[in-house]
Full PDB file with SEQRES, HELIX, SHEET, SSBOND, CRYST1, ORIGX, SCALE, CONECT and MASTER records, all heavy atoms in Angstrom:
SEQRES   1 A   36  PRO THR LEU ILE ILE ASP ARG ARG TYR TRP THR SER ALA          
SEQRES   2 A   36  GLY MET ILE GLN SER ARG ASP ARG LEU ALA SER VAL LEU          
SEQRES   3 A   36  ASP TYR LEU LEU GLU GLN ALA SER LEU ASN                      
HELIX    1 AA1 ALA A   13  ILE A   16  1                                   4    
HELIX    2 AA2 ARG A   19  ARG A   21  5                                   3    
HELIX    3 AA3 LEU A   22  LEU A   35  1                                  14    
SHEET    1 AA1 2 THR A   2  ILE A   5  0                                        
SHEET    2 AA1 2 TYR A   9  SER A  12 -1                                        
CRYST1    1.000    1.000    1.000  90.00  90.00  90.00 P 1           1          
ORIGX1      1.000000  0.000000  0.000000        0.00000                         
ORIGX2      0.000000  1.000000  0.000000        0.00000                         
ORIGX3      0.000000  0.000000  1.000000        0.00000                         
SCALE1      1.000000  0.000000  0.000000        0.00000                         
SCALE2      0.000000  1.000000  0.000000        0.00000                         
SCALE3      0.000000  0.000000  1.000000        0.00000                         
ATOM      1  N   PRO A   1       0.814  -1.257   0.003  1.00  0.00           N  
ATOM      2  CA  PRO A   1      -0.026   0.066   0.029  1.00  0.00           C  
ATOM      3  C   PRO A   1       0.817   1.295  -0.019  1.00  0.00           C  
ATOM      4  O   PRO A   1       1.982   1.325   0.554  1.00  0.00           O  
ATOM      5  CB  PRO A   1      -0.854  -0.157   1.381  1.00  0.00           C  
ATOM      6  CG  PRO A   1       0.165  -0.882   2.260  1.00  0.00           C  
ATOM      7  CD  PRO A   1       0.895  -1.796   1.448  1.00  0.00           C  
ATOM      8  N   THR A   2       0.336   2.272  -0.719  1.00  0.00           N  
ATOM      9  CA  THR A   2       0.982   3.549  -0.658  1.00  0.00           C  
ATOM     10  C   THR A   2      -0.107   4.619  -0.252  1.00  0.00           C  
ATOM     11  O   THR A   2      -1.281   4.459  -0.747  1.00  0.00           O  
ATOM     12  CB  THR A   2       1.531   3.931  -2.137  1.00  0.00           C  
ATOM     13  OG1 THR A   2       2.657   3.212  -2.452  1.00  0.00           O  
ATOM     14  CG2 THR A   2       1.926   5.521  -2.200  1.00  0.00           C  
ATOM     15  N   LEU A   3       0.256   5.486   0.691  1.00  0.00           N  
ATOM     16  CA  LEU A   3      -0.616   6.462   1.131  1.00  0.00           C  
ATOM     17  C   LEU A   3      -0.207   7.850   0.802  1.00  0.00           C  
ATOM     18  O   LEU A   3       0.967   8.229   1.076  1.00  0.00           O  
ATOM     19  CB  LEU A   3      -0.706   6.346   2.692  1.00  0.00           C  
ATOM     20  CG  LEU A   3      -1.171   5.024   3.243  1.00  0.00           C  
ATOM     21  CD1 LEU A   3      -0.874   4.956   4.749  1.00  0.00           C  
ATOM     22  CD2 LEU A   3      -2.503   4.645   2.879  1.00  0.00           C  
ATOM     23  N   ILE A   4      -1.120   8.646   0.206  1.00  0.00           N  
ATOM     24  CA  ILE A   4      -0.713   9.882  -0.343  1.00  0.00           C  
ATOM     25  C   ILE A   4      -1.638  10.942   0.473  1.00  0.00           C  
ATOM     26  O   ILE A   4      -2.839  10.821   0.412  1.00  0.00           O  
ATOM     27  CB  ILE A   4      -0.830  10.109  -1.832  1.00  0.00           C  
ATOM     28  CG1 ILE A   4       0.135   9.106  -2.525  1.00  0.00           C  
ATOM     29  CG2 ILE A   4      -0.689  11.564  -2.318  1.00  0.00           C  
ATOM     30  CD1 ILE A   4       0.000   9.158  -4.013  1.00  0.00           C  
ATOM     31  N   ILE A   5      -0.942  11.841   1.110  1.00  0.00           N  
ATOM     32  CA  ILE A   5      -1.634  12.868   1.937  1.00  0.00           C  
ATOM     33  C   ILE A   5      -1.759  14.273   1.243  1.00  0.00           C  
ATOM     34  O   ILE A   5      -0.684  14.740   0.986  1.00  0.00           O  
ATOM     35  CB  ILE A   5      -1.046  12.997   3.234  1.00  0.00           C  
ATOM     36  CG1 ILE A   5      -1.121  11.649   4.047  1.00  0.00           C  
ATOM     37  CG2 ILE A   5      -1.698  14.121   4.164  1.00  0.00           C  
ATOM     38  CD1 ILE A   5      -0.009  10.758   3.827  1.00  0.00           C  
ATOM     39  N   ASP A   6      -3.023  14.530   0.851  1.00  0.00           N  
ATOM     40  CA  ASP A   6      -3.180  15.909   0.163  1.00  0.00           C  
ATOM     41  C   ASP A   6      -2.376  16.177  -1.064  1.00  0.00           C  
ATOM     42  O   ASP A   6      -2.053  17.300  -1.463  1.00  0.00           O  
ATOM     43  CB  ASP A   6      -2.886  17.045   1.316  1.00  0.00           C  
ATOM     44  CG  ASP A   6      -4.164  18.033   1.126  1.00  0.00           C  
ATOM     45  OD1 ASP A   6      -5.207  17.625   0.762  1.00  0.00           O  
ATOM     46  OD2 ASP A   6      -3.867  19.166   1.520  1.00  0.00           O  
ATOM     47  N   ARG A   7      -1.902  15.067  -1.727  1.00  0.00           N  
ATOM     48  CA  ARG A   7      -1.232  15.111  -3.106  1.00  0.00           C  
ATOM     49  C   ARG A   7       0.139  15.838  -2.688  1.00  0.00           C  
ATOM     50  O   ARG A   7       0.694  16.317  -3.689  1.00  0.00           O  
ATOM     51  CB  ARG A   7      -2.042  15.733  -4.071  1.00  0.00           C  
ATOM     52  CG  ARG A   7      -3.423  15.078  -4.280  1.00  0.00           C  
ATOM     53  CD  ARG A   7      -4.063  15.453  -5.503  1.00  0.00           C  
ATOM     54  NE  ARG A   7      -5.336  14.777  -5.680  1.00  0.00           N  
ATOM     55  CZ  ARG A   7      -5.930  14.416  -6.929  1.00  0.00           C  
ATOM     56  NH1 ARG A   7      -5.419  14.796  -7.962  1.00  0.00           N  
ATOM     57  NH2 ARG A   7      -7.108  13.820  -6.874  1.00  0.00           N  
ATOM     58  N   ARG A   8       0.504  15.877  -1.513  1.00  0.00           N  
ATOM     59  CA  ARG A   8       1.770  16.559  -1.186  1.00  0.00           C  
ATOM     60  C   ARG A   8       2.805  15.681  -0.515  1.00  0.00           C  
ATOM     61  O   ARG A   8       3.916  15.874  -0.771  1.00  0.00           O  
ATOM     62  CB  ARG A   8       1.361  17.765  -0.135  1.00  0.00           C  
ATOM     63  CG  ARG A   8       2.507  18.719   0.076  1.00  0.00           C  
ATOM     64  CD  ARG A   8       2.789  19.607  -1.140  1.00  0.00           C  
ATOM     65  NE  ARG A   8       3.868  20.556  -0.956  1.00  0.00           N  
ATOM     66  CZ  ARG A   8       3.645  21.865  -1.107  1.00  0.00           C  
ATOM     67  NH1 ARG A   8       2.456  22.311  -1.350  1.00  0.00           N  
ATOM     68  NH2 ARG A   8       4.643  22.677  -0.964  1.00  0.00           N  
ATOM     69  N   TYR A   9       2.386  14.726   0.188  1.00  0.00           N  
ATOM     70  CA  TYR A   9       3.299  13.867   0.917  1.00  0.00           C  
ATOM     71  C   TYR A   9       2.910  12.388   0.615  1.00  0.00           C  
ATOM     72  O   TYR A   9       1.661  12.007   0.431  1.00  0.00           O  
ATOM     73  CB  TYR A   9       3.256  14.032   2.448  1.00  0.00           C  
ATOM     74  CG  TYR A   9       3.416  15.477   2.891  1.00  0.00           C  
ATOM     75  CD1 TYR A   9       2.336  16.336   3.158  1.00  0.00           C  
ATOM     76  CD2 TYR A   9       4.812  16.044   2.943  1.00  0.00           C  
ATOM     77  CE1 TYR A   9       2.572  17.610   3.438  1.00  0.00           C  
ATOM     78  CE2 TYR A   9       4.990  17.290   3.281  1.00  0.00           C  
ATOM     79  CZ  TYR A   9       3.896  18.108   3.646  1.00  0.00           C  
ATOM     80  OH  TYR A   9       4.062  19.416   3.893  1.00  0.00           O  
ATOM     81  N   TRP A  10       3.823  11.557   0.680  1.00  0.00           N  
ATOM     82  CA  TRP A  10       3.463  10.072   0.558  1.00  0.00           C  
ATOM     83  C   TRP A  10       4.302   9.164   1.437  1.00  0.00           C  
ATOM     84  O   TRP A  10       5.462   9.554   1.817  1.00  0.00           O  
ATOM     85  CB  TRP A  10       3.597   9.613  -0.859  1.00  0.00           C  
ATOM     86  CG  TRP A  10       4.833   9.462  -1.511  1.00  0.00           C  
ATOM     87  CD1 TRP A  10       5.603  10.493  -2.087  1.00  0.00           C  
ATOM     88  CD2 TRP A  10       5.795   8.288  -1.553  1.00  0.00           C  
ATOM     89  NE1 TRP A  10       6.871   9.899  -2.549  1.00  0.00           N  
ATOM     90  CE2 TRP A  10       6.942   8.677  -2.210  1.00  0.00           C  
ATOM     91  CE3 TRP A  10       5.602   7.010  -1.090  1.00  0.00           C  
ATOM     92  CZ2 TRP A  10       8.023   7.736  -2.420  1.00  0.00           C  
ATOM     93  CZ3 TRP A  10       6.598   6.063  -1.170  1.00  0.00           C  
ATOM     94  CH2 TRP A  10       7.796   6.476  -1.914  1.00  0.00           C  
ATOM     95  N   THR A  11       3.781   8.076   1.828  1.00  0.00           N  
ATOM     96  CA  THR A  11       4.405   7.021   2.631  1.00  0.00           C  
ATOM     97  C   THR A  11       3.950   5.747   2.198  1.00  0.00           C  
ATOM     98  O   THR A  11       2.928   5.532   1.559  1.00  0.00           O  
ATOM     99  CB  THR A  11       4.263   7.308   4.084  1.00  0.00           C  
ATOM    100  OG1 THR A  11       5.203   6.451   4.861  1.00  0.00           O  
ATOM    101  CG2 THR A  11       2.852   7.130   4.533  1.00  0.00           C  
ATOM    102  N   SER A  12       4.552   4.706   2.715  1.00  0.00           N  
ATOM    103  CA  SER A  12       4.167   3.347   2.404  1.00  0.00           C  
ATOM    104  C   SER A  12       4.520   2.414   3.562  1.00  0.00           C  
ATOM    105  O   SER A  12       5.064   2.762   4.493  1.00  0.00           O  
ATOM    106  CB  SER A  12       5.017   2.763   1.120  1.00  0.00           C  
ATOM    107  OG  SER A  12       6.371   2.678   1.412  1.00  0.00           O  
ATOM    108  N   ALA A  13       3.952   1.180   3.487  1.00  0.00           N  
ATOM    109  CA  ALA A  13       4.167   0.256   4.644  1.00  0.00           C  
ATOM    110  C   ALA A  13       5.659  -0.035   4.731  1.00  0.00           C  
ATOM    111  O   ALA A  13       6.170  -0.128   5.837  1.00  0.00           O  
ATOM    112  CB  ALA A  13       3.413  -1.050   4.304  1.00  0.00           C  
ATOM    113  N   GLY A  14       6.460  -0.046   3.578  1.00  0.00           N  
ATOM    114  CA  GLY A  14       7.835  -0.301   3.650  1.00  0.00           C  
ATOM    115  C   GLY A  14       8.647   0.852   4.318  1.00  0.00           C  
ATOM    116  O   GLY A  14       9.604   0.632   5.019  1.00  0.00           O  
ATOM    117  N   MET A  15       8.159   1.983   4.313  1.00  0.00           N  
ATOM    118  CA  MET A  15       8.816   3.242   4.869  1.00  0.00           C  
ATOM    119  C   MET A  15       8.445   3.270   6.354  1.00  0.00           C  
ATOM    120  O   MET A  15       9.303   3.618   7.231  1.00  0.00           O  
ATOM    121  CB  MET A  15       8.398   4.504   4.068  1.00  0.00           C  
ATOM    122  CG  MET A  15       8.813   4.493   2.728  1.00  0.00           C  
ATOM    123  SD  MET A  15       8.424   6.105   1.884  1.00  0.00           S  
ATOM    124  CE  MET A  15       9.676   7.168   2.474  1.00  0.00           C  
ATOM    125  N   ILE A  16       7.103   3.044   6.721  1.00  0.00           N  
ATOM    126  CA  ILE A  16       6.642   3.096   8.053  1.00  0.00           C  
ATOM    127  C   ILE A  16       7.259   2.036   8.863  1.00  0.00           C  
ATOM    128  O   ILE A  16       7.652   2.148  10.015  1.00  0.00           O  
ATOM    129  CB  ILE A  16       5.093   3.126   8.022  1.00  0.00           C  
ATOM    130  CG1 ILE A  16       4.595   4.389   7.482  1.00  0.00           C  
ATOM    131  CG2 ILE A  16       4.605   3.108   9.665  1.00  0.00           C  
ATOM    132  CD1 ILE A  16       3.086   4.451   7.317  1.00  0.00           C  
ATOM    133  N   GLN A  17       7.249   0.774   8.177  1.00  0.00           N  
ATOM    134  CA  GLN A  17       7.949  -0.417   8.750  1.00  0.00           C  
ATOM    135  C   GLN A  17       7.196  -1.025   9.911  1.00  0.00           C  
ATOM    136  O   GLN A  17       7.231  -2.235  10.013  1.00  0.00           O  
ATOM    137  CB  GLN A  17       9.375  -0.156   9.167  1.00  0.00           C  
ATOM    138  CG  GLN A  17      10.274   0.259   7.872  1.00  0.00           C  
ATOM    139  CD  GLN A  17      11.653   0.345   8.309  1.00  0.00           C  
ATOM    140  OE1 GLN A  17      12.043   0.666   9.308  1.00  0.00           O  
ATOM    141  NE2 GLN A  17      12.506  -0.066   7.368  1.00  0.00           N  
ATOM    142  N   SER A  18       6.537  -0.349  10.745  1.00  0.00           N  
ATOM    143  CA  SER A  18       5.745  -0.882  11.892  1.00  0.00           C  
ATOM    144  C   SER A  18       4.340  -0.391  11.810  1.00  0.00           C  
ATOM    145  O   SER A  18       4.152   0.850  11.761  1.00  0.00           O  
ATOM    146  CB  SER A  18       6.404  -0.604  13.187  1.00  0.00           C  
ATOM    147  OG  SER A  18       5.550  -0.850  14.336  1.00  0.00           O  
ATOM    148  N   ARG A  19       3.325  -1.179  12.024  1.00  0.00           N  
ATOM    149  CA  ARG A  19       1.878  -0.805  11.977  1.00  0.00           C  
ATOM    150  C   ARG A  19       1.726   0.174  13.223  1.00  0.00           C  
ATOM    151  O   ARG A  19       0.842   0.914  13.316  1.00  0.00           O  
ATOM    152  CB  ARG A  19       1.033  -1.936  12.055  1.00  0.00           C  
ATOM    153  CG  ARG A  19       0.968  -2.714  10.732  1.00  0.00           C  
ATOM    154  CD  ARG A  19       0.421  -4.099  10.806  1.00  0.00           C  
ATOM    155  NE  ARG A  19      -1.072  -3.951  11.204  1.00  0.00           N  
ATOM    156  CZ  ARG A  19      -1.747  -4.963  11.433  1.00  0.00           C  
ATOM    157  NH1 ARG A  19      -1.230  -6.237  11.255  1.00  0.00           N  
ATOM    158  NH2 ARG A  19      -2.994  -4.899  11.814  1.00  0.00           N  
ATOM    159  N   ASP A  20       2.703  -0.035  14.320  1.00  0.00           N  
ATOM    160  CA  ASP A  20       2.601   0.693  15.534  1.00  0.00           C  
ATOM    161  C   ASP A  20       2.780   2.222  15.203  1.00  0.00           C  
ATOM    162  O   ASP A  20       2.389   3.132  15.912  1.00  0.00           O  
ATOM    163  CB  ASP A  20       3.412   0.258  16.632  1.00  0.00           C  
ATOM    164  CG  ASP A  20       3.067  -1.087  17.140  1.00  0.00           C  
ATOM    165  OD1 ASP A  20       1.890  -1.404  16.985  1.00  0.00           O  
ATOM    166  OD2 ASP A  20       3.958  -1.840  17.645  1.00  0.00           O  
ATOM    167  N   ARG A  21       3.507   2.401  14.142  1.00  0.00           N  
ATOM    168  CA  ARG A  21       3.900   3.779  13.846  1.00  0.00           C  
ATOM    169  C   ARG A  21       2.922   4.521  12.842  1.00  0.00           C  
ATOM    170  O   ARG A  21       3.238   5.650  12.486  1.00  0.00           O  
ATOM    171  CB  ARG A  21       5.374   3.800  13.243  1.00  0.00           C  
ATOM    172  CG  ARG A  21       6.432   3.279  14.197  1.00  0.00           C  
ATOM    173  CD  ARG A  21       7.778   3.413  13.782  1.00  0.00           C  
ATOM    174  NE  ARG A  21       8.178   4.803  13.709  1.00  0.00           N  
ATOM    175  CZ  ARG A  21       8.513   5.439  12.474  1.00  0.00           C  
ATOM    176  NH1 ARG A  21       8.525   4.887  11.423  1.00  0.00           N  
ATOM    177  NH2 ARG A  21       8.935   6.723  12.517  1.00  0.00           N  
ATOM    178  N   LEU A  22       2.012   3.792  12.274  1.00  0.00           N  
ATOM    179  CA  LEU A  22       1.186   4.326  11.140  1.00  0.00           C  
ATOM    180  C   LEU A  22       0.430   5.483  11.646  1.00  0.00           C  
ATOM    181  O   LEU A  22       0.489   6.563  10.967  1.00  0.00           O  
ATOM    182  CB  LEU A  22       0.177   3.182  10.736  1.00  0.00           C  
ATOM    183  CG  LEU A  22      -0.846   3.710   9.717  1.00  0.00           C  
ATOM    184  CD1 LEU A  22      -0.185   3.989   8.361  1.00  0.00           C  
ATOM    185  CD2 LEU A  22      -1.943   2.575   9.538  1.00  0.00           C  
ATOM    186  N   ALA A  23      -0.141   5.492  12.826  1.00  0.00           N  
ATOM    187  CA  ALA A  23      -1.059   6.691  13.237  1.00  0.00           C  
ATOM    188  C   ALA A  23      -0.161   7.795  13.462  1.00  0.00           C  
ATOM    189  O   ALA A  23      -0.597   8.971  13.091  1.00  0.00           O  
ATOM    190  CB  ALA A  23      -1.750   6.282  14.484  1.00  0.00           C  
ATOM    191  N   SER A  24       1.021   7.612  14.060  1.00  0.00           N  
ATOM    192  CA  SER A  24       1.836   8.866  14.304  1.00  0.00           C  
ATOM    193  C   SER A  24       2.392   9.414  13.077  1.00  0.00           C  
ATOM    194  O   SER A  24       2.446  10.720  12.966  1.00  0.00           O  
ATOM    195  CB  SER A  24       2.995   8.418  15.301  1.00  0.00           C  
ATOM    196  OG  SER A  24       3.810   7.522  14.720  1.00  0.00           O  
ATOM    197  N   VAL A  25       2.769   8.633  12.157  1.00  0.00           N  
ATOM    198  CA  VAL A  25       3.203   9.118  10.774  1.00  0.00           C  
ATOM    199  C   VAL A  25       2.123   9.941  10.043  1.00  0.00           C  
ATOM    200  O   VAL A  25       2.235  10.996   9.498  1.00  0.00           O  
ATOM    201  CB  VAL A  25       3.778   8.057   9.854  1.00  0.00           C  
ATOM    202  CG1 VAL A  25       4.002   8.602   8.498  1.00  0.00           C  
ATOM    203  CG2 VAL A  25       4.978   7.507  10.506  1.00  0.00           C  
ATOM    204  N   LEU A  26       0.806   9.353  10.010  1.00  0.00           N  
ATOM    205  CA  LEU A  26      -0.296   9.949   9.406  1.00  0.00           C  
ATOM    206  C   LEU A  26      -0.654  11.348  10.107  1.00  0.00           C  
ATOM    207  O   LEU A  26      -1.068  12.258   9.583  1.00  0.00           O  
ATOM    208  CB  LEU A  26      -1.489   9.038   9.269  1.00  0.00           C  
ATOM    209  CG  LEU A  26      -1.379   7.845   8.325  1.00  0.00           C  
ATOM    210  CD1 LEU A  26      -2.589   7.030   8.358  1.00  0.00           C  
ATOM    211  CD2 LEU A  26      -1.034   8.377   6.894  1.00  0.00           C  
ATOM    212  N   ASP A  27      -0.662  11.221  11.533  1.00  0.00           N  
ATOM    213  CA  ASP A  27      -0.839  12.470  12.268  1.00  0.00           C  
ATOM    214  C   ASP A  27       0.129  13.597  11.888  1.00  0.00           C  
ATOM    215  O   ASP A  27      -0.355  14.764  11.669  1.00  0.00           O  
ATOM    216  CB  ASP A  27      -0.738  12.217  13.780  1.00  0.00           C  
ATOM    217  CG  ASP A  27      -1.984  11.486  14.361  1.00  0.00           C  
ATOM    218  OD1 ASP A  27      -3.067  11.472  13.639  1.00  0.00           O  
ATOM    219  OD2 ASP A  27      -1.839  10.896  15.408  1.00  0.00           O  
ATOM    220  N   TYR A  28       1.383  13.242  11.807  1.00  0.00           N  
ATOM    221  CA  TYR A  28       2.353  14.315  11.520  1.00  0.00           C  
ATOM    222  C   TYR A  28       2.116  14.826  10.020  1.00  0.00           C  
ATOM    223  O   TYR A  28       2.209  16.090   9.837  1.00  0.00           O  
ATOM    224  CB  TYR A  28       3.741  13.616  11.588  1.00  0.00           C  
ATOM    225  CG  TYR A  28       4.844  14.512  11.143  1.00  0.00           C  
ATOM    226  CD1 TYR A  28       5.375  15.514  12.018  1.00  0.00           C  
ATOM    227  CD2 TYR A  28       5.408  14.508   9.886  1.00  0.00           C  
ATOM    228  CE1 TYR A  28       6.344  16.303  11.723  1.00  0.00           C  
ATOM    229  CE2 TYR A  28       6.493  15.371   9.601  1.00  0.00           C  
ATOM    230  CZ  TYR A  28       6.993  16.283  10.512  1.00  0.00           C  
ATOM    231  OH  TYR A  28       7.914  17.155  10.243  1.00  0.00           O  
ATOM    232  N   LEU A  29       1.798  13.993   9.123  1.00  0.00           N  
ATOM    233  CA  LEU A  29       1.593  14.419   7.684  1.00  0.00           C  
ATOM    234  C   LEU A  29       0.350  15.165   7.566  1.00  0.00           C  
ATOM    235  O   LEU A  29       0.314  16.076   6.780  1.00  0.00           O  
ATOM    236  CB  LEU A  29       1.672  13.211   6.780  1.00  0.00           C  
ATOM    237  CG  LEU A  29       3.054  12.507   6.668  1.00  0.00           C  
ATOM    238  CD1 LEU A  29       2.848  11.281   5.645  1.00  0.00           C  
ATOM    239  CD2 LEU A  29       4.147  13.465   6.191  1.00  0.00           C  
ATOM    240  N   LEU A  30      -0.586  14.814   8.339  1.00  0.00           N  
ATOM    241  CA  LEU A  30      -1.925  15.617   8.351  1.00  0.00           C  
ATOM    242  C   LEU A  30      -1.711  16.976   8.968  1.00  0.00           C  
ATOM    243  O   LEU A  30      -2.141  18.038   8.403  1.00  0.00           O  
ATOM    244  CB  LEU A  30      -3.036  14.929   9.256  1.00  0.00           C  
ATOM    245  CG  LEU A  30      -4.244  15.653   9.532  1.00  0.00           C  
ATOM    246  CD1 LEU A  30      -4.994  16.037   8.202  1.00  0.00           C  
ATOM    247  CD2 LEU A  30      -5.205  14.979  10.407  1.00  0.00           C  
ATOM    248  N   GLU A  31      -0.853  17.086   9.950  1.00  0.00           N  
ATOM    249  CA  GLU A  31      -0.410  18.412  10.643  1.00  0.00           C  
ATOM    250  C   GLU A  31       0.293  19.246   9.466  1.00  0.00           C  
ATOM    251  O   GLU A  31       0.046  20.405   9.392  1.00  0.00           O  
ATOM    252  CB  GLU A  31       0.369  18.144  11.858  1.00  0.00           C  
ATOM    253  CG  GLU A  31       0.834  19.422  12.457  1.00  0.00           C  
ATOM    254  CD  GLU A  31       1.697  19.283  13.689  1.00  0.00           C  
ATOM    255  OE1 GLU A  31       2.162  18.133  13.897  1.00  0.00           O  
ATOM    256  OE2 GLU A  31       1.932  20.209  14.285  1.00  0.00           O  
ATOM    257  N   GLN A  32       1.217  18.707   8.825  1.00  0.00           N  
ATOM    258  CA  GLN A  32       2.015  19.380   7.840  1.00  0.00           C  
ATOM    259  C   GLN A  32       1.162  19.848   6.636  1.00  0.00           C  
ATOM    260  O   GLN A  32       1.258  20.994   6.188  1.00  0.00           O  
ATOM    261  CB  GLN A  32       3.143  18.519   7.339  1.00  0.00           C  
ATOM    262  CG  GLN A  32       4.186  18.064   8.311  1.00  0.00           C  
ATOM    263  CD  GLN A  32       4.829  19.291   9.008  1.00  0.00           C  
ATOM    264  OE1 GLN A  32       5.298  20.213   8.390  1.00  0.00           O  
ATOM    265  NE2 GLN A  32       4.666  19.325  10.295  1.00  0.00           N  
ATOM    266  N   ALA A  33       0.205  18.970   6.244  1.00  0.00           N  
ATOM    267  CA  ALA A  33      -0.643  19.374   5.108  1.00  0.00           C  
ATOM    268  C   ALA A  33      -1.508  20.499   5.548  1.00  0.00           C  
ATOM    269  O   ALA A  33      -1.722  21.443   4.856  1.00  0.00           O  
ATOM    270  CB  ALA A  33      -1.523  18.065   4.754  1.00  0.00           C  
ATOM    271  N   SER A  34      -2.098  20.425   6.823  1.00  0.00           N  
ATOM    272  CA  SER A  34      -2.959  21.490   7.308  1.00  0.00           C  
ATOM    273  C   SER A  34      -2.141  22.734   7.429  1.00  0.00           C  
ATOM    274  O   SER A  34      -2.760  23.870   7.012  1.00  0.00           O  
ATOM    275  CB  SER A  34      -3.504  21.102   8.624  1.00  0.00           C  
ATOM    276  OG  SER A  34      -4.267  19.953   8.588  1.00  0.00           O  
ATOM    277  N   LEU A  35      -0.877  22.785   7.859  1.00  0.00           N  
ATOM    278  CA  LEU A  35      -0.063  23.984   7.912  1.00  0.00           C  
ATOM    279  C   LEU A  35       0.111  24.526   6.582  1.00  0.00           C  
ATOM    280  O   LEU A  35       0.222  25.851   6.374  1.00  0.00           O  
ATOM    281  CB  LEU A  35       1.255  23.705   8.614  1.00  0.00           C  
ATOM    282  CG  LEU A  35       1.173  23.331  10.232  1.00  0.00           C  
ATOM    283  CD1 LEU A  35       2.459  22.905  10.688  1.00  0.00           C  
ATOM    284  CD2 LEU A  35       0.774  24.746  10.966  1.00  0.00           C  
ATOM    285  N   ASN A  36       0.443  23.668   5.608  1.00  0.00           N  
ATOM    286  CA  ASN A  36       0.692  24.138   4.263  1.00  0.00           C  
ATOM    287  C   ASN A  36      -0.491  24.758   3.697  1.00  0.00           C  
ATOM    288  O   ASN A  36      -0.438  25.848   3.033  1.00  0.00           O  
ATOM    289  CB  ASN A  36       1.085  22.840   3.455  1.00  0.00           C  
ATOM    290  CG  ASN A  36       1.394  23.359   1.907  1.00  0.00           C  
ATOM    291  OD1 ASN A  36       2.374  24.109   1.827  1.00  0.00           O  
ATOM    292  ND2 ASN A  36       0.640  22.836   1.058  1.00  0.00           N  
TER     293      ASN A  36                                                      
MASTER        0    0    0    3    2    0    0    6  292    1    0    3          
END                                                                             
């Protein structure tokens, strides 16, 4: 899977590496997208 946030940022399962980190990575990218 590849996740693209606001057509500005992207991540993947291979980059996140742990399902435990998924929410924190998405939270961070959502914050960055909102600031942008």
